[in-house]
Amino acid sequence: IADKLFISPNTVRTHVNNIYKKLHLNSRSQVMNLAYKNKWI
């Protein structure tokens, strides 16, 4: 993701942590379920 968006891996990690925190989820599968459910992708 960092290579694709031209940012550092640490920045990606920070954003991912923020995503988990904001959505109150704690696993990739839960985030994916919510993303598919709301047609975010």
ModelCIF file with pLDDT and N, C-alpha, C, O atoms, coordinates in Angstrom:
data_MODEL
#
_entry.id   MODEL 
#
_entity.id                         1 
_entity.type                       polymer 
_entity.pdbx_number_of_molecules   1 
#
_entity_poly.entity_id                      1 
_entity_poly.type                           'polypeptide(L)' 
_entity_poly.nstd_linkage                   no 
_entity_poly.nstd_monomer                   no 
_entity_poly.pdbx_seq_one_letter_code       IADKLFISPNTVRTHVNNIYKKLHLNSRSQVMNLAYKNKWI 
_entity_poly.pdbx_seq_one_letter_code_can   IADKLFISPNTVRTHVNNIYKKLHLNSRSQVMNLAYKNKWI 
_entity_poly.pdbx_strand_id                 A 
#
loop_
_entity_poly_seq.entity_id 
_entity_poly_seq.num 
_entity_poly_seq.mon_id 
_entity_poly_seq.hetero 
1 1  ILE n 
1 2  ALA n 
1 3  ASP n 
1 4  LYS n 
1 5  LEU n 
1 6  PHE n 
1 7  ILE n 
1 8  SER n 
1 9  PRO n 
1 10 ASN n 
1 11 THR n 
1 12 VAL n 
1 13 ARG n 
1 14 THR n 
1 15 HIS n 
1 16 VAL n 
1 17 ASN n 
1 18 ASN n 
1 19 ILE n 
1 20 TYR n 
1 21 LYS n 
1 22 LYS n 
1 23 LEU n 
1 24 HIS n 
1 25 LEU n 
1 26 ASN n 
1 27 SER n 
1 28 ARG n 
1 29 SER n 
1 30 GLN n 
1 31 VAL n 
1 32 MET n 
1 33 ASN n 
1 34 LEU n 
1 35 ALA n 
1 36 TYR n 
1 37 LYS n 
1 38 ASN n 
1 39 LYS n 
1 40 TRP n 
1 41 ILE n 
#
_struct_asym.id          A 
_struct_asym.entity_id   1 
#
loop_
_ma_qa_metric.id 
_ma_qa_metric.mode 
_ma_qa_metric.name 
_ma_qa_metric.software_group_id 
_ma_qa_metric.type 
1 global pLDDT . pLDDT 
2 local  pLDDT . pLDDT 
#
_ma_qa_metric_global.metric_id      1 
_ma_qa_metric_global.metric_value   83.27 
_ma_qa_metric_global.model_id       1 
_ma_qa_metric_global.ordinal_id     1 
#
loop_
_ma_qa_metric_local.label_asym_id 
_ma_qa_metric_local.label_comp_id 
_ma_qa_metric_local.label_seq_id 
_ma_qa_metric_local.metric_id 
_ma_qa_metric_local.metric_value 
_ma_qa_metric_local.model_id 
_ma_qa_metric_local.ordinal_id 
A ILE 1  2 90.00 1 1  
A ALA 2  2 92.00 1 2  
A ASP 3  2 93.00 1 3  
A LYS 4  2 90.00 1 4  
A LEU 5  2 90.00 1 5  
A PHE 6  2 91.00 1 6  
A ILE 7  2 92.00 1 7  
A SER 8  2 93.00 1 8  
A PRO 9  2 89.00 1 9  
A ASN 10 2 92.00 1 10 
A THR 11 2 93.00 1 11 
A VAL 12 2 91.00 1 12 
A ARG 13 2 90.00 1 13 
A THR 14 2 92.00 1 14 
A HIS 15 2 89.00 1 15 
A VAL 16 2 89.00 1 16 
A ASN 17 2 88.00 1 17 
A ASN 18 2 86.00 1 18 
A ILE 19 2 85.00 1 19 
A TYR 20 2 85.00 1 20 
A LYS 21 2 84.00 1 21 
A LYS 22 2 82.00 1 22 
A LEU 23 2 83.00 1 23 
A HIS 24 2 82.00 1 24 
A LEU 25 2 84.00 1 25 
A ASN 26 2 77.00 1 26 
A SER 27 2 79.00 1 27 
A ARG 28 2 79.00 1 28 
A SER 29 2 80.00 1 29 
A GLN 30 2 81.00 1 30 
A VAL 31 2 80.00 1 31 
A MET 32 2 80.00 1 32 
A ASN 33 2 79.00 1 33 
A LEU 34 2 81.00 1 34 
A ALA 35 2 75.00 1 35 
A TYR 36 2 73.00 1 36 
A LYS 37 2 71.00 1 37 
A ASN 38 2 69.00 1 38 
A LYS 39 2 68.00 1 39 
A TRP 40 2 66.00 1 40 
A ILE 41 2 61.00 1 41 
#
loop_
_atom_site.group_PDB 
_atom_site.id 
_atom_site.type_symbol 
_atom_site.label_atom_id 
_atom_site.label_alt_id 
_atom_site.label_comp_id 
_atom_site.label_asym_id 
_atom_site.label_entity_id 
_atom_site.label_seq_id 
_atom_site.pdbx_PDB_ins_code 
_atom_site.Cartn_x 
_atom_site.Cartn_y 
_atom_site.Cartn_z 
_atom_site.occupancy 
_atom_site.B_iso_or_equiv 
_atom_site.pdbx_formal_charge 
_atom_site.auth_seq_id 
_atom_site.auth_comp_id 
_atom_site.auth_asym_id 
_atom_site.auth_atom_id 
_atom_site.pdbx_PDB_model_num 
ATOM 1   N N  . ILE A 1 1  ? 0.844   -1.206 0.000  1.00 90.00 ? 1  ILE A N  1 
ATOM 2   C CA . ILE A 1 1  ? 0.000   0.000  0.000  1.00 90.00 ? 1  ILE A CA 1 
ATOM 3   C C  . ILE A 1 1  ? 0.873   1.247  0.000  1.00 90.00 ? 1  ILE A C  1 
ATOM 4   O O  . ILE A 1 1  ? 0.579   2.221  -0.694 1.00 90.00 ? 1  ILE A O  1 
ATOM 5   N N  . ALA A 1 2  ? 1.946   1.212  0.782  1.00 92.00 ? 2  ALA A N  1 
ATOM 6   C CA . ALA A 1 2  ? 2.857   2.359  0.849  1.00 92.00 ? 2  ALA A CA 1 
ATOM 7   C C  . ALA A 1 2  ? 3.453   2.651  -0.523 1.00 92.00 ? 2  ALA A C  1 
ATOM 8   O O  . ALA A 1 2  ? 3.509   3.809  -0.936 1.00 92.00 ? 2  ALA A O  1 
ATOM 9   N N  . ASP A 1 3  ? 3.897   1.623  -1.231 1.00 93.00 ? 3  ASP A N  1 
ATOM 10  C CA . ASP A 1 3  ? 4.469   1.806  -2.569 1.00 93.00 ? 3  ASP A CA 1 
ATOM 11  C C  . ASP A 1 3  ? 3.426   2.361  -3.539 1.00 93.00 ? 3  ASP A C  1 
ATOM 12  O O  . ASP A 1 3  ? 3.731   3.219  -4.367 1.00 93.00 ? 3  ASP A O  1 
ATOM 13  N N  . LYS A 1 4  ? 2.215   1.871  -3.429 1.00 90.00 ? 4  LYS A N  1 
ATOM 14  C CA . LYS A 1 4  ? 1.162   2.280  -4.354 1.00 90.00 ? 4  LYS A CA 1 
ATOM 15  C C  . LYS A 1 4  ? 0.737   3.729  -4.132 1.00 90.00 ? 4  LYS A C  1 
ATOM 16  O O  . LYS A 1 4  ? 0.431   4.447  -5.084 1.00 90.00 ? 4  LYS A O  1 
ATOM 17  N N  . LEU A 1 5  ? 0.720   4.154  -2.862 1.00 90.00 ? 5  LEU A N  1 
ATOM 18  C CA . LEU A 1 5  ? 0.234   5.506  -2.533 1.00 90.00 ? 5  LEU A CA 1 
ATOM 19  C C  . LEU A 1 5  ? 1.366   6.506  -2.288 1.00 90.00 ? 5  LEU A C  1 
ATOM 20  O O  . LEU A 1 5  ? 1.124   7.669  -1.966 1.00 90.00 ? 5  LEU A O  1 
ATOM 21  N N  . PHE A 1 6  ? 2.615   6.031  -2.446 1.00 91.00 ? 6  PHE A N  1 
ATOM 22  C CA . PHE A 1 6  ? 3.789   6.901  -2.289 1.00 91.00 ? 6  PHE A CA 1 
ATOM 23  C C  . PHE A 1 6  ? 3.879   7.502  -0.881 1.00 91.00 ? 6  PHE A C  1 
ATOM 24  O O  . PHE A 1 6  ? 4.164   8.688  -0.711 1.00 91.00 ? 6  PHE A O  1 
ATOM 25  N N  . ILE A 1 7  ? 3.632   6.662  0.108  1.00 92.00 ? 7  ILE A N  1 
ATOM 26  C CA . ILE A 1 7  ? 3.793   7.069  1.501  1.00 92.00 ? 7  ILE A CA 1 
ATOM 27  C C  . ILE A 1 7  ? 4.602   5.977  2.210  1.00 92.00 ? 7  ILE A C  1 
ATOM 28  O O  . ILE A 1 7  ? 4.861   4.923  1.629  1.00 92.00 ? 7  ILE A O  1 
ATOM 29  N N  . SER A 1 8  ? 4.994   6.222  3.441  1.00 93.00 ? 8  SER A N  1 
ATOM 30  C CA . SER A 1 8  ? 5.820   5.251  4.155  1.00 93.00 ? 8  SER A CA 1 
ATOM 31  C C  . SER A 1 8  ? 4.952   4.152  4.771  1.00 93.00 ? 8  SER A C  1 
ATOM 32  O O  . SER A 1 8  ? 3.778   4.380  5.063  1.00 93.00 ? 8  SER A O  1 
ATOM 33  N N  . PRO A 1 9  ? 5.530   2.951  4.973  1.00 89.00 ? 9  PRO A N  1 
ATOM 34  C CA . PRO A 1 9  ? 4.788   1.873  5.635  1.00 89.00 ? 9  PRO A CA 1 
ATOM 35  C C  . PRO A 1 9  ? 4.304   2.268  7.029  1.00 89.00 ? 9  PRO A C  1 
ATOM 36  O O  . PRO A 1 9  ? 3.230   1.846  7.458  1.00 89.00 ? 9  PRO A O  1 
ATOM 37  N N  . ASN A 1 10 ? 5.098   3.080  7.737  1.00 92.00 ? 10 ASN A N  1 
ATOM 38  C CA . ASN A 1 10 ? 4.679   3.527  9.064  1.00 92.00 ? 10 ASN A CA 1 
ATOM 39  C C  . ASN A 1 10 ? 3.432   4.398  8.994  1.00 92.00 ? 10 ASN A C  1 
ATOM 40  O O  . ASN A 1 10 ? 2.562   4.329  9.862  1.00 92.00 ? 10 ASN A O  1 
ATOM 41  N N  . THR A 1 11 ? 3.357   5.220  7.946  1.00 93.00 ? 11 THR A N  1 
ATOM 42  C CA . THR A 1 11 ? 2.167   6.058  7.756  1.00 93.00 ? 11 THR A CA 1 
ATOM 43  C C  . THR A 1 11 ? 0.952   5.190  7.477  1.00 93.00 ? 11 THR A C  1 
ATOM 44  O O  . THR A 1 11 ? -0.134  5.437  8.001  1.00 93.00 ? 11 THR A O  1 
ATOM 45  N N  . VAL A 1 12 ? 1.141   4.170  6.646  1.00 91.00 ? 12 VAL A N  1 
ATOM 46  C CA . VAL A 1 12 ? 0.051   3.232  6.368  1.00 91.00 ? 12 VAL A CA 1 
ATOM 47  C C  . VAL A 1 12 ? -0.399  2.552  7.651  1.00 91.00 ? 12 VAL A C  1 
ATOM 48  O O  . VAL A 1 12 ? -1.595  2.431  7.914  1.00 91.00 ? 12 VAL A O  1 
ATOM 49  N N  . ARG A 1 13 ? 0.563   2.111  8.446  1.00 90.00 ? 13 ARG A N  1 
ATOM 50  C CA . ARG A 1 13 ? 0.246   1.425  9.701  1.00 90.00 ? 13 ARG A CA 1 
ATOM 51  C C  . ARG A 1 13 ? -0.551  2.339  10.636 1.00 90.00 ? 13 ARG A C  1 
ATOM 52  O O  . ARG A 1 13 ? -1.499  1.902  11.288 1.00 90.00 ? 13 ARG A O  1 
ATOM 53  N N  . THR A 1 14 ? -0.155  3.606  10.692 1.00 92.00 ? 14 THR A N  1 
ATOM 54  C CA . THR A 1 14 ? -0.870  4.574  11.534 1.00 92.00 ? 14 THR A CA 1 
ATOM 55  C C  . THR A 1 14 ? -2.308  4.737  11.060 1.00 92.00 ? 14 THR A C  1 
ATOM 56  O O  . THR A 1 14 ? -3.240  4.751  11.864 1.00 92.00 ? 14 THR A O  1 
ATOM 57  N N  . HIS A 1 15 ? -2.483  4.861  9.734  1.00 89.00 ? 15 HIS A N  1 
ATOM 58  C CA . HIS A 1 15 ? -3.834  5.001  9.190  1.00 89.00 ? 15 HIS A CA 1 
ATOM 59  C C  . HIS A 1 15 ? -4.681  3.753  9.471  1.00 89.00 ? 15 HIS A C  1 
ATOM 60  O O  . HIS A 1 15 ? -5.852  3.859  9.834  1.00 89.00 ? 15 HIS A O  1 
ATOM 61  N N  . VAL A 1 16 ? -4.085  2.592  9.302  1.00 89.00 ? 16 VAL A N  1 
ATOM 62  C CA . VAL A 1 16 ? -4.813  1.344  9.550  1.00 89.00 ? 16 VAL A CA 1 
ATOM 63  C C  . VAL A 1 16 ? -5.243  1.253  11.016 1.00 89.00 ? 16 VAL A C  1 
ATOM 64  O O  . VAL A 1 16 ? -6.370  0.860  11.317 1.00 89.00 ? 16 VAL A O  1 
ATOM 65  N N  . ASN A 1 17 ? -4.347  1.616  11.912 1.00 88.00 ? 17 ASN A N  1 
ATOM 66  C CA . ASN A 1 17 ? -4.694  1.616  13.342 1.00 88.00 ? 17 ASN A CA 1 
ATOM 67  C C  . ASN A 1 17 ? -5.839  2.573  13.628 1.00 88.00 ? 17 ASN A C  1 
ATOM 68  O O  . ASN A 1 17 ? -6.727  2.271  14.426 1.00 88.00 ? 17 ASN A O  1 
ATOM 69  N N  . ASN A 1 18 ? -5.816  3.733  12.970 1.00 86.00 ? 18 ASN A N  1 
ATOM 70  C CA . ASN A 1 18 ? -6.886  4.708  13.144 1.00 86.00 ? 18 ASN A CA 1 
ATOM 71  C C  . ASN A 1 18 ? -8.212  4.180  12.598 1.00 86.00 ? 18 ASN A C  1 
ATOM 72  O O  . ASN A 1 18 ? -9.272  4.414  13.179 1.00 86.00 ? 18 ASN A O  1 
ATOM 73  N N  . ILE A 1 19 ? -8.140  3.468  11.476 1.00 85.00 ? 19 ILE A N  1 
ATOM 74  C CA . ILE A 1 19 ? -9.347  2.881  10.883 1.00 85.00 ? 19 ILE A CA 1 
ATOM 75  C C  . ILE A 1 19 ? -9.974  1.885  11.858 1.00 85.00 ? 19 ILE A C  1 
ATOM 76  O O  . ILE A 1 19 ? -11.180 1.917  12.102 1.00 85.00 ? 19 ILE A O  1 
ATOM 77  N N  . TYR A 1 20 ? -9.140  1.000  12.411 1.00 85.00 ? 20 TYR A N  1 
ATOM 78  C CA . TYR A 1 20 ? -9.639  0.012  13.368 1.00 85.00 ? 20 TYR A CA 1 
ATOM 79  C C  . TYR A 1 20 ? -10.267 0.706  14.578 1.00 85.00 ? 20 TYR A C  1 
ATOM 80  O O  . TYR A 1 20 ? -11.327 0.309  15.062 1.00 85.00 ? 20 TYR A O  1 
ATOM 81  N N  . LYS A 1 21 ? -9.587  1.752  15.052 1.00 84.00 ? 21 LYS A N  1 
ATOM 82  C CA . LYS A 1 21 ? -10.069 2.459  16.236 1.00 84.00 ? 21 LYS A CA 1 
ATOM 83  C C  . LYS A 1 21 ? -11.392 3.157  15.956 1.00 84.00 ? 21 LYS A C  1 
ATOM 84  O O  . LYS A 1 21 ? -12.322 3.069  16.758 1.00 84.00 ? 21 LYS A O  1 
ATOM 85  N N  . LYS A 1 22 ? -11.484 3.855  14.816 1.00 82.00 ? 22 LYS A N  1 
ATOM 86  C CA . LYS A 1 22 ? -12.701 4.597  14.487 1.00 82.00 ? 22 LYS A CA 1 
ATOM 87  C C  . LYS A 1 22 ? -13.891 3.664  14.277 1.00 82.00 ? 22 LYS A C  1 
ATOM 88  O O  . LYS A 1 22 ? -15.016 3.987  14.659 1.00 82.00 ? 22 LYS A O  1 
ATOM 89  N N  . LEU A 1 23 ? -13.639 2.519  13.674 1.00 83.00 ? 23 LEU A N  1 
ATOM 90  C CA . LEU A 1 23 ? -14.725 1.589  13.389 1.00 83.00 ? 23 LEU A CA 1 
ATOM 91  C C  . LEU A 1 23 ? -15.011 0.648  14.560 1.00 83.00 ? 23 LEU A C  1 
ATOM 92  O O  . LEU A 1 23 ? -15.969 -0.124 14.520 1.00 83.00 ? 23 LEU A O  1 
ATOM 93  N N  . HIS A 1 24 ? -14.180 0.714  15.597 1.00 82.00 ? 24 HIS A N  1 
ATOM 94  C CA . HIS A 1 24 ? -14.336 -0.131 16.783 1.00 82.00 ? 24 HIS A CA 1 
ATOM 95  C C  . HIS A 1 24 ? -14.305 -1.615 16.406 1.00 82.00 ? 24 HIS A C  1 
ATOM 96  O O  . HIS A 1 24 ? -15.068 -2.423 16.935 1.00 82.00 ? 24 HIS A O  1 
ATOM 97  N N  . LEU A 1 25 ? -13.413 -1.946 15.488 1.00 84.00 ? 25 LEU A N  1 
ATOM 98  C CA . LEU A 1 25 ? -13.218 -3.329 15.076 1.00 84.00 ? 25 LEU A CA 1 
ATOM 99  C C  . LEU A 1 25 ? -11.778 -3.716 15.376 1.00 84.00 ? 25 LEU A C  1 
ATOM 100 O O  . LEU A 1 25 ? -10.918 -2.853 15.553 1.00 84.00 ? 25 LEU A O  1 
ATOM 101 N N  . ASN A 1 26 ? -11.518 -5.023 15.433 1.00 77.00 ? 26 ASN A N  1 
ATOM 102 C CA . ASN A 1 26 ? -10.167 -5.426 15.824 1.00 77.00 ? 26 ASN A CA 1 
ATOM 103 C C  . ASN A 1 26 ? -9.572  -6.532 14.962 1.00 77.00 ? 26 ASN A C  1 
ATOM 104 O O  . ASN A 1 26 ? -8.610  -7.185 15.369 1.00 77.00 ? 26 ASN A O  1 
ATOM 105 N N  . SER A 1 27 ? -10.134 -6.750 13.772 1.00 79.00 ? 27 SER A N  1 
ATOM 106 C CA . SER A 1 27 ? -9.545  -7.738 12.879 1.00 79.00 ? 27 SER A CA 1 
ATOM 107 C C  . SER A 1 27 ? -9.800  -7.344 11.432 1.00 79.00 ? 27 SER A C  1 
ATOM 108 O O  . SER A 1 27 ? -10.754 -6.629 11.125 1.00 79.00 ? 27 SER A O  1 
ATOM 109 N N  . ARG A 1 28 ? -8.933  -7.822 10.552 1.00 79.00 ? 28 ARG A N  1 
ATOM 110 C CA . ARG A 1 28 ? -9.089  -7.539 9.123  1.00 79.00 ? 28 ARG A CA 1 
ATOM 111 C C  . ARG A 1 28 ? -10.423 -8.084 8.607  1.00 79.00 ? 28 ARG A C  1 
ATOM 112 O O  . ARG A 1 28 ? -11.088 -7.438 7.798  1.00 79.00 ? 28 ARG A O  1 
ATOM 113 N N  . SER A 1 29 ? -10.811 -9.273 9.076  1.00 80.00 ? 29 SER A N  1 
ATOM 114 C CA . SER A 1 29 ? -12.054 -9.875 8.591  1.00 80.00 ? 29 SER A CA 1 
ATOM 115 C C  . SER A 1 29 ? -13.268 -9.025 8.966  1.00 80.00 ? 29 SER A C  1 
ATOM 116 O O  . SER A 1 29 ? -14.200 -8.888 8.173  1.00 80.00 ? 29 SER A O  1 
ATOM 117 N N  . GLN A 1 30 ? -13.258 -8.452 10.179 1.00 81.00 ? 30 GLN A N  1 
ATOM 118 C CA . GLN A 1 30 ? -14.369 -7.600 10.589 1.00 81.00 ? 30 GLN A CA 1 
ATOM 119 C C  . GLN A 1 30 ? -14.434 -6.344 9.735  1.00 81.00 ? 30 GLN A C  1 
ATOM 120 O O  . GLN A 1 30 ? -15.513 -5.915 9.328  1.00 81.00 ? 30 GLN A O  1 
ATOM 121 N N  . VAL A 1 31 ? -13.266 -5.752 9.466  1.00 80.00 ? 31 VAL A N  1 
ATOM 122 C CA . VAL A 1 31 ? -13.214 -4.558 8.624  1.00 80.00 ? 31 VAL A CA 1 
ATOM 123 C C  . VAL A 1 31 ? -13.696 -4.887 7.214  1.00 80.00 ? 31 VAL A C  1 
ATOM 124 O O  . VAL A 1 31 ? -14.434 -4.108 6.609  1.00 80.00 ? 31 VAL A O  1 
ATOM 125 N N  . MET A 1 32 ? -13.286 -6.025 6.698  1.00 80.00 ? 32 MET A N  1 
ATOM 126 C CA . MET A 1 32 ? -13.709 -6.431 5.356  1.00 80.00 ? 32 MET A CA 1 
ATOM 127 C C  . MET A 1 32 ? -15.216 -6.641 5.301  1.00 80.00 ? 32 MET A C  1 
ATOM 128 O O  . MET A 1 32 ? -15.867 -6.244 4.335  1.00 80.00 ? 32 MET A O  1 
ATOM 129 N N  . ASN A 1 33 ? -15.769 -7.263 6.336  1.00 79.00 ? 33 ASN A N  1 
ATOM 130 C CA . ASN A 1 33 ? -17.224 -7.471 6.382  1.00 79.00 ? 33 ASN A CA 1 
ATOM 131 C C  . ASN A 1 33 ? -17.967 -6.147 6.348  1.00 79.00 ? 33 ASN A C  1 
ATOM 132 O O  . ASN A 1 33 ? -18.960 -6.004 5.635  1.00 79.00 ? 33 ASN A O  1 
ATOM 133 N N  . LEU A 1 34 ? -17.486 -5.180 7.121  1.00 81.00 ? 34 LEU A N  1 
ATOM 134 C CA . LEU A 1 34 ? -18.133 -3.874 7.153  1.00 81.00 ? 34 LEU A CA 1 
ATOM 135 C C  . LEU A 1 34 ? -17.984 -3.162 5.812  1.00 81.00 ? 34 LEU A C  1 
ATOM 136 O O  . LEU A 1 34 ? -18.921 -2.512 5.349  1.00 81.00 ? 34 LEU A O  1 
ATOM 137 N N  . ALA A 1 35 ? -16.827 -3.279 5.193  1.00 75.00 ? 35 ALA A N  1 
ATOM 138 C CA . ALA A 1 35 ? -16.576 -2.640 3.902  1.00 75.00 ? 35 ALA A CA 1 
ATOM 139 C C  . ALA A 1 35 ? -17.495 -3.207 2.823  1.00 75.00 ? 35 ALA A C  1 
ATOM 140 O O  . ALA A 1 35 ? -18.078 -2.456 2.041  1.00 75.00 ? 35 ALA A O  1 
ATOM 141 N N  . TYR A 1 36 ? -17.621 -4.532 2.782  1.00 73.00 ? 36 TYR A N  1 
ATOM 142 C CA . TYR A 1 36 ? -18.510 -5.154 1.799  1.00 73.00 ? 36 TYR A CA 1 
ATOM 143 C C  . TYR A 1 36 ? -19.975 -4.810 2.088  1.00 73.00 ? 36 TYR A C  1 
ATOM 144 O O  . TYR A 1 36 ? -20.760 -4.552 1.176  1.00 73.00 ? 36 TYR A O  1 
ATOM 145 N N  . LYS A 1 37 ? -20.316 -4.812 3.360  1.00 71.00 ? 37 LYS A N  1 
ATOM 146 C CA . LYS A 1 37 ? -21.687 -4.527 3.771  1.00 71.00 ? 37 LYS A CA 1 
ATOM 147 C C  . LYS A 1 37 ? -22.134 -3.147 3.314  1.00 71.00 ? 37 LYS A C  1 
ATOM 148 O O  . LYS A 1 37 ? -23.284 -2.958 2.918  1.00 71.00 ? 37 LYS A O  1 
ATOM 149 N N  . ASN A 1 38 ? -21.221 -2.185 3.372  1.00 69.00 ? 38 ASN A N  1 
ATOM 150 C CA . ASN A 1 38 ? -21.564 -0.812 3.025  1.00 69.00 ? 38 ASN A CA 1 
ATOM 151 C C  . ASN A 1 38 ? -21.108 -0.399 1.637  1.00 69.00 ? 38 ASN A C  1 
ATOM 152 O O  . ASN A 1 38 ? -21.168 0.773  1.266  1.00 69.00 ? 38 ASN A O  1 
ATOM 153 N N  . LYS A 1 39 ? -20.638 -1.416 0.856  1.00 68.00 ? 39 LYS A N  1 
ATOM 154 C CA . LYS A 1 39 ? -20.250 -1.166 -0.532 1.00 68.00 ? 39 LYS A CA 1 
ATOM 155 C C  . LYS A 1 39 ? -19.186 -0.069 -0.630 1.00 68.00 ? 39 LYS A C  1 
ATOM 156 O O  . LYS A 1 39 ? -19.272 0.820  -1.478 1.00 68.00 ? 39 LYS A O  1 
ATOM 157 N N  . TRP A 1 40 ? -18.181 -0.146 0.254  1.00 66.00 ? 40 TRP A N  1 
ATOM 158 C CA . TRP A 1 40 ? -17.094 0.813  0.223  1.00 66.00 ? 40 TRP A CA 1 
ATOM 159 C C  . TRP A 1 40 ? -16.080 0.483  -0.857 1.00 66.00 ? 40 TRP A C  1 
ATOM 160 O O  . TRP A 1 40 ? -15.212 1.297  -1.173 1.00 66.00 ? 40 TRP A O  1 
ATOM 161 N N  . ILE A 1 41 ? -16.190 -0.724 -1.428 1.00 61.00 ? 41 ILE A N  1 
ATOM 162 C CA . ILE A 1 41 ? -15.231 -1.136 -2.447 1.00 61.00 ? 41 ILE A CA 1 
ATOM 163 C C  . ILE A 1 41 ? -15.970 -1.580 -3.699 1.00 61.00 ? 41 ILE A C  1 
ATOM 164 O O  . ILE A 1 41 ? -15.341 -1.969 -4.683 1.00 61.00 ? 41 ILE A O  1 
#
